[in-house]
N, C-alpha and C. Protein backbone atom coordinates (compact mmCIF):
# COMPACT_ATOMS: atom_id res chain seq x y z
N MET A 1 0.77 -1.22 0.04
CA MET A 1 0.28 0.29 -0.08
C MET A 1 0.69 0.95 -0.23
N ALA A 2 0.53 1.99 -1.10
CA ALA A 2 1.55 3.00 -1.49
C ALA A 2 1.41 3.88 -0.34
N PHE A 3 2.46 5.45 0.13
CA PHE A 3 1.83 6.51 1.25
C PHE A 3 0.90 7.26 0.39
N PRO A 4 0.25 7.70 1.55
CA PRO A 4 -0.94 8.53 0.76
C PRO A 4 -0.32 10.24 0.46
N GLU A 5 -0.31 10.39 -0.78
CA GLU A 5 0.06 11.86 -1.75
C GLU A 5 -0.75 12.66 -1.36
N ASP A 6 -1.83 12.88 -0.37
CA ASP A 6 -2.45 14.17 0.06
C ASP A 6 -2.20 14.67 1.03
N ILE A 7 -0.92 13.92 1.81
CA ILE A 7 -0.41 14.62 3.01
C ILE A 7 0.82 15.20 2.57
N LEU A 8 1.04 14.77 1.41
CA LEU A 8 2.79 15.41 0.60
C LEU A 8 2.58 17.18 0.35
N THR A 9 3.60 17.50 0.13
CA THR A 9 3.28 19.09 -0.40
C THR A 9 3.81 19.11 -1.66
N ASP A 10 3.62 19.92 -2.73
CA ASP A 10 3.45 19.73 -4.08
C ASP A 10 4.98 19.30 -4.78
N ASP A 11 5.77 19.80 -4.19
CA ASP A 11 7.36 19.72 -4.63
C ASP A 11 7.68 18.14 -3.95
N GLU A 12 7.14 17.67 -2.58
CA GLU A 12 7.50 17.00 -1.80
C GLU A 12 7.83 15.25 -2.61
N VAL A 13 8.66 14.38 -2.36
CA VAL A 13 8.86 13.46 -3.12
C VAL A 13 8.92 11.81 -2.33
N VAL A 14 8.28 11.03 -2.16
CA VAL A 14 8.56 9.90 -1.33
C VAL A 14 9.88 9.39 -1.84
N VAL A 15 11.23 9.13 -1.21
CA VAL A 15 12.04 8.63 -1.26
C VAL A 15 11.99 6.83 -0.79
N LEU A 16 11.77 6.85 0.79
CA LEU A 16 11.96 5.41 1.47
C LEU A 16 10.27 5.43 1.94
N ASP A 17 9.99 4.38 1.71
CA ASP A 17 8.27 3.99 2.83
C ASP A 17 8.75 2.87 3.14
N LEU A 18 8.47 2.38 4.48
CA LEU A 18 8.94 1.37 5.21
C LEU A 18 8.13 0.91 6.16
N HIS A 19 8.09 0.02 6.70
CA HIS A 19 7.41 -0.95 7.70
C HIS A 19 8.61 -1.44 8.85
N PRO A 20 8.52 -1.81 9.91
CA PRO A 20 9.81 -2.42 10.47
C PRO A 20 9.93 -3.58 9.85
N HIS A 21 11.18 -3.87 9.90
CA HIS A 21 11.40 -5.44 9.70
C HIS A 21 10.47 -6.34 10.32
N TRP A 22 10.74 -7.48 9.01
CA TRP A 22 10.02 -8.41 9.25
C TRP A 22 9.87 -9.27 10.33
N ILE A 23 11.31 -8.82 11.05
CA ILE A 23 11.56 -10.19 12.15
C ILE A 23 10.95 -9.88 13.17
N ARG A 24 10.13 -8.17 13.69
CA ARG A 24 8.95 -8.15 14.31
C ARG A 24 7.93 -8.87 14.89
N LEU A 25 7.63 -10.05 13.36
CA LEU A 25 7.09 -10.59 13.07
C LEU A 25 7.02 -12.00 13.71
N VAL A 26 8.43 -12.63 14.07
CA VAL A 26 8.63 -13.96 14.15
C VAL A 26 8.39 -14.27 15.43
N ARG A 27 8.49 -12.91 16.38
CA ARG A 27 7.60 -13.99 17.85
C ARG A 27 6.24 -14.24 17.83
N PRO A 28 5.48 -13.22 17.18
CA PRO A 28 3.83 -13.46 17.02
C PRO A 28 3.56 -15.23 16.39
N VAL A 29 4.42 -15.48 15.50
CA VAL A 29 3.99 -16.41 14.61
C VAL A 29 4.45 -17.86 15.36
N LEU A 30 5.47 -17.42 16.49
CA LEU A 30 6.21 -18.53 17.17
C LEU A 30 4.89 -18.74 18.00
N SER A 31 4.32 -17.58 19.01
CA SER A 31 3.36 -17.52 19.65
C SER A 31 2.08 -18.31 19.02
N ALA A 32 2.01 -18.23 17.93
CA ALA A 32 0.42 -19.41 17.26
C ALA A 32 0.73 -20.55 17.32
N VAL A 33 1.97 -20.74 16.76
CA VAL A 33 2.05 -21.92 16.65
C VAL A 33 2.54 -22.89 18.28
N VAL A 34 2.95 -22.55 19.26
CA VAL A 34 2.87 -22.94 20.89
C VAL A 34 1.25 -22.71 20.99
N VAL A 35 0.85 -21.83 20.82
CA VAL A 35 -0.99 -21.64 21.68
C VAL A 35 -1.59 -22.91 20.64
N LEU A 36 -1.35 -22.76 19.76
CA LEU A 36 -2.83 -23.57 18.53
C LEU A 36 -2.04 -25.14 19.04
N GLY A 37 -0.63 -25.41 19.41
CA GLY A 37 -0.17 -26.75 19.45
C GLY A 37 -0.74 -27.51 20.84
N LEU A 38 -0.49 -26.55 21.68
CA LEU A 38 -1.00 -26.30 23.43
C LEU A 38 -2.87 -26.32 23.12
N ALA A 39 -3.37 -26.10 22.24
CA ALA A 39 -4.89 -26.06 22.51
C ALA A 39 -4.86 -27.23 21.76
N VAL A 40 -4.45 -27.97 20.75
CA VAL A 40 -5.31 -28.92 20.18
C VAL A 40 -4.94 -30.22 21.55
N LEU A 41 -3.57 -30.51 22.13
CA LEU A 41 -3.54 -31.16 23.07
C LEU A 41 -4.35 -31.65 24.00
N ALA A 42 -4.73 -29.86 24.78
CA ALA A 42 -5.86 -29.91 25.67
C ALA A 42 -6.93 -30.27 25.60
N VAL A 43 -7.13 -30.13 24.23
CA VAL A 43 -8.79 -30.96 23.52
C VAL A 43 -8.58 -32.30 23.01
N PHE A 44 -7.54 -32.46 22.68
CA PHE A 44 -7.70 -34.25 22.58
C PHE A 44 -7.17 -35.04 23.99
N PHE A 45 -6.66 -34.44 24.62
CA PHE A 45 -6.51 -35.06 26.17
C PHE A 45 -7.77 -34.46 27.29
N ALA A 46 -8.52 -33.63 26.68
CA ALA A 46 -9.05 -33.27 27.73
C ALA A 46 -10.09 -34.64 28.45
N PRO A 47 -10.30 -34.97 29.83
CA PRO A 47 -10.68 -36.04 30.27
C PRO A 47 -12.05 -36.42 29.39
N ASN A 48 -12.62 -37.66 29.64
CA ASN A 48 -13.77 -38.13 29.35
C ASN A 48 -15.10 -37.81 30.50
N GLY A 49 -15.95 -37.37 29.78
CA GLY A 49 -17.28 -37.48 31.48
C GLY A 49 -18.33 -36.48 30.87
N VAL A 50 -18.72 -35.76 32.07
CA VAL A 50 -19.78 -34.84 31.70
C VAL A 50 -18.91 -33.11 31.40
N LEU A 51 -17.85 -33.37 31.99
CA LEU A 51 -16.96 -31.23 31.77
C LEU A 51 -16.62 -31.61 30.66
N GLN A 52 -16.30 -32.70 29.67
CA GLN A 52 -15.29 -32.96 28.69
C GLN A 52 -15.69 -31.27 27.33
N LYS A 53 -16.70 -31.50 27.10
CA LYS A 53 -17.27 -30.42 25.89
C LYS A 53 -16.74 -28.96 26.63
N PRO A 54 -17.45 -28.76 27.98
CA PRO A 54 -17.27 -27.75 28.51
C PRO A 54 -15.42 -27.22 28.41
N LEU A 55 -14.93 -28.25 28.84
CA LEU A 55 -13.25 -28.02 29.26
C LEU A 55 -12.91 -27.49 27.85
N GLN A 56 -13.29 -28.17 26.76
CA GLN A 56 -12.79 -28.17 25.34
C GLN A 56 -12.90 -26.91 25.06
N TYR A 57 -14.37 -26.31 24.77
CA TYR A 57 -15.01 -24.49 24.58
C TYR A 57 -13.99 -24.15 25.38
N LEU A 58 -14.18 -24.19 26.91
CA LEU A 58 -13.34 -22.89 27.33
C LEU A 58 -11.47 -23.38 26.74
N VAL A 59 -10.96 -24.13 26.34
CA VAL A 59 -9.82 -24.04 25.98
C VAL A 59 -9.72 -23.69 24.78
N LEU A 60 -10.50 -23.61 23.73
CA LEU A 60 -10.73 -23.07 22.41
C LEU A 60 -10.88 -21.37 22.70
N ILE A 61 -12.07 -21.00 23.77
CA ILE A 61 -11.67 -19.38 24.07
C ILE A 61 -10.85 -18.66 24.30
N VAL A 62 -9.79 -19.62 24.95
CA VAL A 62 -8.53 -19.22 25.89
C VAL A 62 -7.98 -19.14 24.65
N ALA A 63 -7.46 -19.98 23.54
CA ALA A 63 -6.79 -19.90 22.46
C ALA A 63 -7.12 -18.71 21.43
N VAL A 64 -8.45 -18.39 21.41
CA VAL A 64 -8.56 -17.53 20.64
C VAL A 64 -7.87 -16.18 21.33
N VAL A 65 -8.36 -16.21 22.49
CA VAL A 65 -7.86 -15.12 23.10
C VAL A 65 -6.13 -14.45 22.93
N LEU A 66 -5.82 -15.48 23.58
CA LEU A 66 -4.47 -15.78 23.36
C LEU A 66 -3.77 -15.19 21.77
N LEU A 67 -4.68 -15.87 20.95
CA LEU A 67 -4.16 -15.83 19.60
C LEU A 67 -3.91 -14.25 19.04
N VAL A 68 -5.53 -13.73 19.41
CA VAL A 68 -5.53 -12.51 18.83
C VAL A 68 -4.67 -11.34 20.15
N TYR A 69 -4.31 -11.95 21.37
CA TYR A 69 -3.64 -10.65 22.32
C TYR A 69 -2.17 -11.28 21.43
N LEU A 70 -1.41 -12.03 21.48
CA LEU A 70 -0.34 -12.47 21.64
C LEU A 70 0.23 -12.55 19.40
N THR A 71 -0.49 -12.68 18.58
CA THR A 71 -0.27 -12.88 17.01
C THR A 71 -0.90 -11.68 16.59
N ILE A 72 -2.05 -11.58 16.50
CA ILE A 72 -2.76 -10.67 15.58
C ILE A 72 -2.87 -9.11 16.06
N ARG A 73 -2.37 -8.32 17.28
CA ARG A 73 -2.27 -7.19 17.83
C ARG A 73 -1.09 -7.01 17.28
N PRO A 74 0.19 -8.13 17.70
CA PRO A 74 1.18 -7.36 16.95
C PRO A 74 1.40 -6.96 15.42
N TRP A 75 0.72 -7.83 14.72
CA TRP A 75 0.65 -7.89 13.43
C TRP A 75 0.19 -7.07 12.82
N VAL A 76 -0.92 -6.65 13.28
CA VAL A 76 -1.45 -4.70 13.16
C VAL A 76 -0.63 -3.91 13.80
N ARG A 77 -0.20 -4.04 14.53
CA ARG A 77 0.77 -3.12 15.08
C ARG A 77 1.62 -2.83 13.85
N TRP A 78 2.62 -3.85 13.27
CA TRP A 78 3.36 -3.89 12.79
C TRP A 78 2.97 -3.12 11.26
N ILE A 79 2.06 -3.49 10.76
CA ILE A 79 1.17 -3.24 9.15
C ILE A 79 1.10 -1.94 9.32
N THR A 80 0.83 -1.26 10.89
CA THR A 80 0.25 -0.02 10.96
C THR A 80 1.15 1.22 10.77
N THR A 81 2.57 0.86 10.88
CA THR A 81 3.43 1.79 11.29
C THR A 81 4.48 1.60 10.40
N ARG A 82 4.75 3.16 9.81
CA ARG A 82 5.35 3.53 9.08
C ARG A 82 6.51 4.38 9.23
N TYR A 83 7.55 4.08 8.18
CA TYR A 83 8.81 4.89 8.42
C TYR A 83 9.14 5.56 6.84
N VAL A 84 8.02 6.84 7.08
CA VAL A 84 8.17 7.34 5.63
C VAL A 84 9.42 8.80 5.25
N ILE A 85 10.10 8.46 4.39
CA ILE A 85 11.23 9.47 4.08
C ILE A 85 11.04 10.30 2.96
N THR A 86 10.71 11.68 2.77
CA THR A 86 10.79 12.08 1.99
C THR A 86 11.93 12.90 1.83
N ASN A 87 11.66 13.80 0.56
CA ASN A 87 13.01 14.44 -0.02
C ASN A 87 13.00 15.61 1.34
N GLU A 88 11.99 16.25 1.73
CA GLU A 88 11.86 17.08 2.90
C GLU A 88 11.85 16.70 4.29
N ARG A 89 11.46 15.58 4.73
CA ARG A 89 11.21 15.55 6.01
C ARG A 89 10.88 13.78 6.08
N VAL A 90 10.91 13.19 7.82
CA VAL A 90 10.96 11.72 8.36
C VAL A 90 9.31 12.12 9.09
N LEU A 91 8.68 11.09 8.41
CA LEU A 91 7.20 10.96 9.02
C LEU A 91 7.14 9.82 9.36
N LEU A 92 6.57 9.80 11.02
CA LEU A 92 6.26 8.51 11.40
C LEU A 92 4.43 8.32 11.60
N ARG A 93 4.16 7.50 11.06
CA ARG A 93 2.78 6.77 11.44
C ARG A 93 2.37 5.42 12.09
N THR A 94 1.50 5.76 12.99
CA THR A 94 1.38 4.39 14.03
C THR A 94 -0.25 4.02 14.27
N GLY A 95 -0.46 2.98 14.24
CA GLY A 95 -1.71 3.12 14.84
C GLY A 95 -3.08 2.78 14.30
N VAL A 96 -4.19 1.98 14.60
CA VAL A 96 -4.83 1.61 13.85
C VAL A 96 -6.45 3.01 14.53
N LEU A 97 -6.88 2.14 15.80
CA LEU A 97 -7.88 3.32 15.95
C LEU A 97 -7.59 4.80 16.86
N THR A 98 -6.54 4.78 17.26
CA THR A 98 -5.54 5.96 17.52
C THR A 98 -4.45 6.18 16.67
N ARG A 99 -4.81 7.02 15.97
CA ARG A 99 -3.19 6.80 14.95
C ARG A 99 -2.60 8.03 15.67
N SER A 100 -1.29 8.17 15.41
CA SER A 100 -0.16 9.05 16.20
C SER A 100 0.88 8.98 15.17
N GLY A 101 1.03 10.58 14.72
CA GLY A 101 2.09 10.69 13.62
C GLY A 101 3.35 11.74 14.33
N ARG A 102 4.37 12.09 13.63
CA ARG A 102 5.32 12.68 13.79
C ARG A 102 6.27 13.51 12.81
N ASP A 103 6.12 14.31 12.37
CA ASP A 103 7.12 14.79 11.29
C ASP A 103 8.28 15.85 11.75
N ILE A 104 9.46 15.19 10.92
CA ILE A 104 10.72 15.86 11.08
C ILE A 104 11.07 16.55 9.97
N PRO A 105 11.05 17.74 10.14
CA PRO A 105 11.83 18.18 8.91
C PRO A 105 13.15 18.11 8.60
N LEU A 106 13.68 17.61 7.28
CA LEU A 106 15.08 17.30 7.14
C LEU A 106 16.00 18.49 7.50
N VAL A 107 15.49 19.53 7.37
CA VAL A 107 16.62 20.83 7.69
C VAL A 107 16.91 21.14 9.48
N ARG A 108 15.57 20.19 10.27
CA ARG A 108 16.11 20.72 11.44
C ARG A 108 16.48 19.14 11.71
N LEU A 109 17.70 18.58 11.27
CA LEU A 109 17.96 17.54 11.85
C LEU A 109 19.39 17.73 12.38
N ASN A 110 19.74 17.25 13.85
CA ASN A 110 20.92 17.60 14.26
C ASN A 110 22.07 16.60 14.01
N ASP A 111 21.46 15.50 14.08
CA ASP A 111 22.06 13.86 14.22
C ASP A 111 21.45 12.81 13.99
N VAL A 112 21.86 11.92 12.99
CA VAL A 112 21.42 10.54 12.93
C VAL A 112 22.13 9.46 12.94
N THR A 113 21.57 8.82 13.92
CA THR A 113 22.91 7.23 14.06
C THR A 113 21.81 6.53 14.17
N PHE A 114 22.97 5.54 14.13
CA PHE A 114 22.63 3.69 13.95
C PHE A 114 22.77 2.61 14.81
N GLU A 115 22.20 1.83 15.23
CA GLU A 115 22.78 0.86 15.92
C GLU A 115 22.39 -0.72 15.58
N HIS A 116 23.16 -1.74 15.47
CA HIS A 116 22.36 -3.00 15.37
C HIS A 116 23.58 -3.88 15.55
N THR A 117 22.46 -4.75 16.56
CA THR A 117 23.94 -5.75 16.87
C THR A 117 23.91 -6.90 15.82
N LEU A 118 24.42 -7.91 16.97
CA LEU A 118 24.79 -9.00 15.63
C LEU A 118 23.74 -9.70 14.76
N PHE A 119 22.98 -9.81 15.82
CA PHE A 119 21.78 -10.81 14.99
C PHE A 119 21.17 -9.59 14.18
N GLU A 120 21.00 -8.37 14.82
CA GLU A 120 20.42 -7.41 13.81
C GLU A 120 20.80 -7.55 12.43
N ARG A 121 22.21 -7.41 12.02
CA ARG A 121 23.42 -7.13 11.21
C ARG A 121 23.02 -8.33 10.23
N MET A 122 22.83 -9.59 10.79
CA MET A 122 22.60 -10.61 10.07
C MET A 122 20.99 -10.79 9.52
N VAL A 123 20.21 -10.14 10.00
CA VAL A 123 18.52 -10.28 9.55
C VAL A 123 18.47 -9.15 8.50
N GLY A 124 19.63 -7.85 8.87
CA GLY A 124 19.38 -6.43 8.22
C GLY A 124 18.46 -5.50 8.67
N SER A 125 18.36 -5.61 10.16
CA SER A 125 17.16 -4.47 10.79
C SER A 125 18.52 -3.31 11.93
N GLY A 126 18.06 -2.64 12.25
CA GLY A 126 18.56 -1.81 13.11
C GLY A 126 17.61 -1.17 13.87
N THR A 127 18.48 -0.02 14.91
CA THR A 127 17.63 0.94 15.58
C THR A 127 18.06 2.68 15.06
N LEU A 128 17.40 3.05 14.33
CA LEU A 128 17.57 4.78 14.00
C LEU A 128 17.66 5.40 14.76
N THR A 129 18.55 6.55 15.39
CA THR A 129 18.22 7.56 16.27
C THR A 129 18.17 8.73 15.26
N ILE A 130 17.36 9.87 15.81
CA ILE A 130 17.21 10.75 14.73
C ILE A 130 17.25 12.28 16.18
N GLU A 131 17.76 12.93 15.75
CA GLU A 131 18.17 14.09 16.86
C GLU A 131 17.72 15.40 16.15
N SER A 132 16.86 15.97 16.31
CA SER A 132 16.05 17.15 15.73
C SER A 132 16.37 18.54 16.62
N ALA A 133 16.13 19.72 16.11
CA ALA A 133 16.38 20.73 16.63
C ALA A 133 15.03 21.39 17.14
N GLY A 134 14.67 20.35 17.89
CA GLY A 134 13.23 21.17 18.34
C GLY A 134 13.01 20.95 19.79
N GLU A 135 11.75 20.80 20.09
CA GLU A 135 12.01 20.71 21.58
C GLU A 135 11.60 19.15 22.55
N ARG A 136 11.01 18.45 21.09
CA ARG A 136 10.30 16.84 21.32
C ARG A 136 11.95 16.56 21.41
N GLY A 137 12.91 16.73 20.83
CA GLY A 137 14.57 15.91 20.62
C GLY A 137 14.58 15.37 20.01
N GLN A 138 14.26 13.95 20.55
CA GLN A 138 15.00 12.86 19.33
C GLN A 138 13.70 11.48 19.53
N VAL A 139 13.88 11.07 17.98
CA VAL A 139 12.98 9.53 17.93
C VAL A 139 13.84 8.37 17.64
N VAL A 140 13.35 7.92 18.29
CA VAL A 140 14.09 6.38 18.00
C VAL A 140 13.26 5.23 17.12
N LEU A 141 14.01 5.34 15.86
CA LEU A 141 12.92 4.17 15.30
C LEU A 141 13.80 2.47 15.41
N THR A 142 12.52 1.95 15.81
CA THR A 142 13.31 0.40 16.27
C THR A 142 12.50 -0.22 14.82
N SER A 143 13.50 -1.08 14.85
CA SER A 143 13.59 -2.62 13.66
C SER A 143 13.56 -1.78 12.39
N VAL A 144 14.23 -0.84 11.87
CA VAL A 144 14.45 -0.57 10.59
C VAL A 144 15.06 -1.37 9.79
N PRO A 145 14.32 -1.57 8.22
CA PRO A 145 14.91 -2.84 7.62
C PRO A 145 16.44 -1.70 6.76
N HIS A 146 17.17 -2.53 6.31
CA HIS A 146 18.51 -1.66 6.20
C HIS A 146 18.81 -0.42 6.80
N VAL A 147 19.24 -0.48 7.77
CA VAL A 147 19.16 0.95 8.77
C VAL A 147 20.32 1.48 8.16
N GLU A 148 21.05 1.14 7.67
CA GLU A 148 22.65 1.64 7.07
C GLU A 148 22.17 2.48 5.91
N HIS A 149 21.60 1.73 4.91
CA HIS A 149 20.82 2.61 3.63
C HIS A 149 20.19 3.87 4.46
N VAL A 150 19.39 3.53 4.97
CA VAL A 150 18.32 4.68 5.39
C VAL A 150 19.09 5.82 6.30
N HIS A 151 19.90 5.33 6.89
CA HIS A 151 20.52 6.24 7.86
C HIS A 151 21.55 7.11 6.13
N LEU A 152 22.03 6.38 5.55
CA LEU A 152 23.09 7.27 4.31
C LEU A 152 22.02 8.13 3.55
N ARG A 153 20.83 7.59 3.41
CA ARG A 153 19.80 8.40 2.77
C ARG A 153 19.65 9.76 3.49
N LEU A 154 19.20 9.38 4.59
CA LEU A 154 18.98 10.88 5.29
C LEU A 154 20.19 11.97 5.71
N TYR A 155 21.26 11.37 5.57
CA TYR A 155 22.51 12.21 5.50
C TYR A 155 22.61 12.70 4.09
N GLU A 156 22.07 11.81 2.65
CA GLU A 156 22.29 12.51 1.56
C GLU A 156 21.32 13.63 1.76
N LEU A 157 20.01 13.76 2.01
CA LEU A 157 18.95 14.39 1.81
C LEU A 157 18.81 15.83 2.77
N SER A 158 19.26 15.50 3.84
CA SER A 158 20.02 16.25 4.67
C SER A 158 20.89 17.44 4.19
N GLU A 159 21.79 16.59 3.55
CA GLU A 159 22.92 17.37 3.20
C GLU A 159 22.68 18.33 1.80
N ALA A 160 21.92 17.47 1.13
CA ALA A 160 21.51 18.37 -0.01
C ALA A 160 20.39 19.82 0.08
N LEU A 161 19.50 19.56 1.31
CA LEU A 161 18.95 20.40 1.62
C LEU A 161 19.62 21.67 1.93
N ARG A 162 20.64 21.35 2.86
CA ARG A 162 21.30 22.47 3.67
C ARG A 162 22.15 23.36 2.23
N GLY A 163 22.44 22.42 1.18
CA GLY A 163 23.44 23.00 0.19
C GLY A 163 22.12 24.15 -0.39
N TYR A 164 21.08 23.69 -0.40
CA TYR A 164 19.99 24.51 -1.14
C TYR A 164 19.88 25.88 -0.33
N SER A 165 19.72 25.71 0.69
CA SER A 165 19.16 26.85 1.60
C SER A 165 20.37 27.87 2.12
N GLY A 166 21.53 27.20 2.38
CA GLY A 166 22.50 28.10 2.77
C GLY A 166 23.91 27.54 2.66
């Protein structure tokens, strides 16, 4: 899904449009496998008798609640989080029911740093910290895919804007 053009200025162009790295979805998928496996075992090994059906229904209800909480919720959070870099600003958008956003003009960038652990380097992810000259200061973007490339693009865009403005 492309970033909505109606929130961009006339001369603004999207350079990068990213979701957090897919690695954020590994834990929810593993959680789903564990919950489903335990639910199947619990339903299969429910004791015979008058309570068998109510216990099986209870197990299924608990499994559905756990699946929503441990799997669907993180997936929705991932799909609705956007890191967008244009030729003028960095835009952060998160949320479904309660949307929040933050825009940082590139001309106000003071410092952009990245960090990634050995594991993050292996999967191509990392943390990007953007320091701006505003009152809100620092923004930390976690699980940024190809963080070194994003860091370089921000530097190039920021320097290009500074070259034009003074």
